[in-house]
Amino acid sequence: MKQVFAVMLFLFVVISAAAAEEKRFTISVGDSPQKGPKDASVTIIEFLDFQ
């Protein structure tokens, strides 16, 4: 039973990684207050809980 679970988990991770695509967006801040360098990179990672 543990082997079946391990194989299913492995397949889920492989399929999820293959299906994930990197999306990049540029958002204008206009005259909004800001702090730090203007060319600083920001990475947002979204975690979802499928139930």
C-alpha atoms as a PDB file:
ATOM      1  CA  MET A   1       0.000   0.000   0.000  1.00  0.00           C
ATOM      2  CA  LYS A   2       2.869   2.388   0.806  1.00  0.00           C
ATOM      3  CA  GLN A   3       4.414   1.699  -2.595  1.00  0.00           C
ATOM      4  CA  VAL A   4       1.165   2.529  -4.383  1.00  0.00           C
ATOM      5  CA  PHE A   5       0.880   5.777  -2.438  1.00  0.00           C
ATOM      6  CA  ALA A   6       4.493   6.651  -3.203  1.00  0.00           C
ATOM      7  CA  VAL A   7       3.984   6.040  -6.934  1.00  0.00           C
ATOM      8  CA  MET A   8       0.785   8.118  -6.953  1.00  0.00           C
ATOM      9  CA  LEU A   9       2.528  10.947  -5.117  1.00  0.00           C
ATOM     10  CA  PHE A  10       5.460  10.823  -7.529  1.00  0.00           C
ATOM     11  CA  LEU A  11       3.142  10.955 -10.548  1.00  0.00           C
ATOM     12  CA  PHE A  12       1.195  13.849  -9.051  1.00  0.00           C
ATOM     13  CA  VAL A  13       4.390  15.855  -8.509  1.00  0.00           C
ATOM     14  CA  VAL A  14       5.699  15.122 -12.010  1.00  0.00           C
ATOM     15  CA  ILE A  15       2.389  15.967 -13.700  1.00  0.00           C
ATOM     16  CA  SER A  16       1.922  19.107 -11.611  1.00  0.00           C
ATOM     17  CA  ALA A  17       5.414  20.349 -12.435  1.00  0.00           C
ATOM     18  CA  ALA A  18       4.877  19.675 -16.139  1.00  0.00           C
ATOM     19  CA  ALA A  19       1.502  21.431 -16.153  1.00  0.00           C
ATOM     20  CA  ALA A  20       2.746  24.506 -14.301  1.00  0.00           C
ATOM     21  CA  GLU A  21       3.728  27.335 -16.551  1.00  0.00           C
ATOM     22  CA  GLU A  22       5.543  30.481 -15.602  1.00  0.00           C
ATOM     23  CA  LYS A  23       3.470  33.626 -15.986  1.00  0.00           C
ATOM     24  CA  ARG A  24       4.988  37.084 -15.819  1.00  0.00           C
ATOM     25  CA  PHE A  25       3.084  40.333 -15.578  1.00  0.00           C
ATOM     26  CA  THR A  26       4.220  43.925 -15.495  1.00  0.00           C
ATOM     27  CA  ILE A  27       2.121  46.107 -13.227  1.00  0.00           C
ATOM     28  CA  SER A  28       2.412  49.871 -13.402  1.00  0.00           C
ATOM     29  CA  VAL A  29       2.684  51.490  -9.973  1.00  0.00           C
ATOM     30  CA  GLY A  30       1.972  54.983 -11.319  1.00  0.00           C
ATOM     31  CA  ASP A  31       2.460  57.597  -8.616  1.00  0.00           C
ATOM     32  CA  SER A  32       1.934  55.121  -5.759  1.00  0.00           C
ATOM     33  CA  PRO A  33       4.375  55.401  -2.854  1.00  0.00           C
ATOM     34  CA  GLN A  34       7.248  52.936  -3.143  1.00  0.00           C
ATOM     35  CA  LYS A  35      10.349  51.973  -1.246  1.00  0.00           C
ATOM     36  CA  GLY A  36      13.515  50.325  -2.498  1.00  0.00           C
ATOM     37  CA  PRO A  37      15.176  50.060  -5.889  1.00  0.00           C
ATOM     38  CA  LYS A  38      12.977  50.520  -8.965  1.00  0.00           C
ATOM     39  CA  ASP A  39      14.470  47.465 -10.687  1.00  0.00           C
ATOM     40  CA  ALA A  40      13.956  45.068  -7.751  1.00  0.00           C
ATOM     41  CA  SER A  41      12.483  41.734  -8.813  1.00  0.00           C
ATOM     42  CA  VAL A  42       9.464  40.290  -7.044  1.00  0.00           C
ATOM     43  CA  THR A  43       8.413  36.642  -7.088  1.00  0.00           C
ATOM     44  CA  ILE A  44       4.913  35.641  -6.017  1.00  0.00           C
ATOM     45  CA  ILE A  45       4.289  31.944  -5.414  1.00  0.00           C
ATOM     46  CA  GLU A  46       0.710  30.766  -5.133  1.00  0.00           C
ATOM     47  CA  PHE A  47      -0.090  27.671  -3.084  1.00  0.00           C
ATOM     48  CA  LEU A  48      -3.472  26.086  -3.634  1.00  0.00           C
ATOM     49  CA  ASP A  49      -5.266  23.558  -1.490  1.00  0.00           C
ATOM     50  CA  PHE A  50      -7.458  21.288  -3.592  1.00  0.00           C
ATOM     51  CA  GLN A  51     -10.066  19.644  -1.435  1.00  0.00           C
END
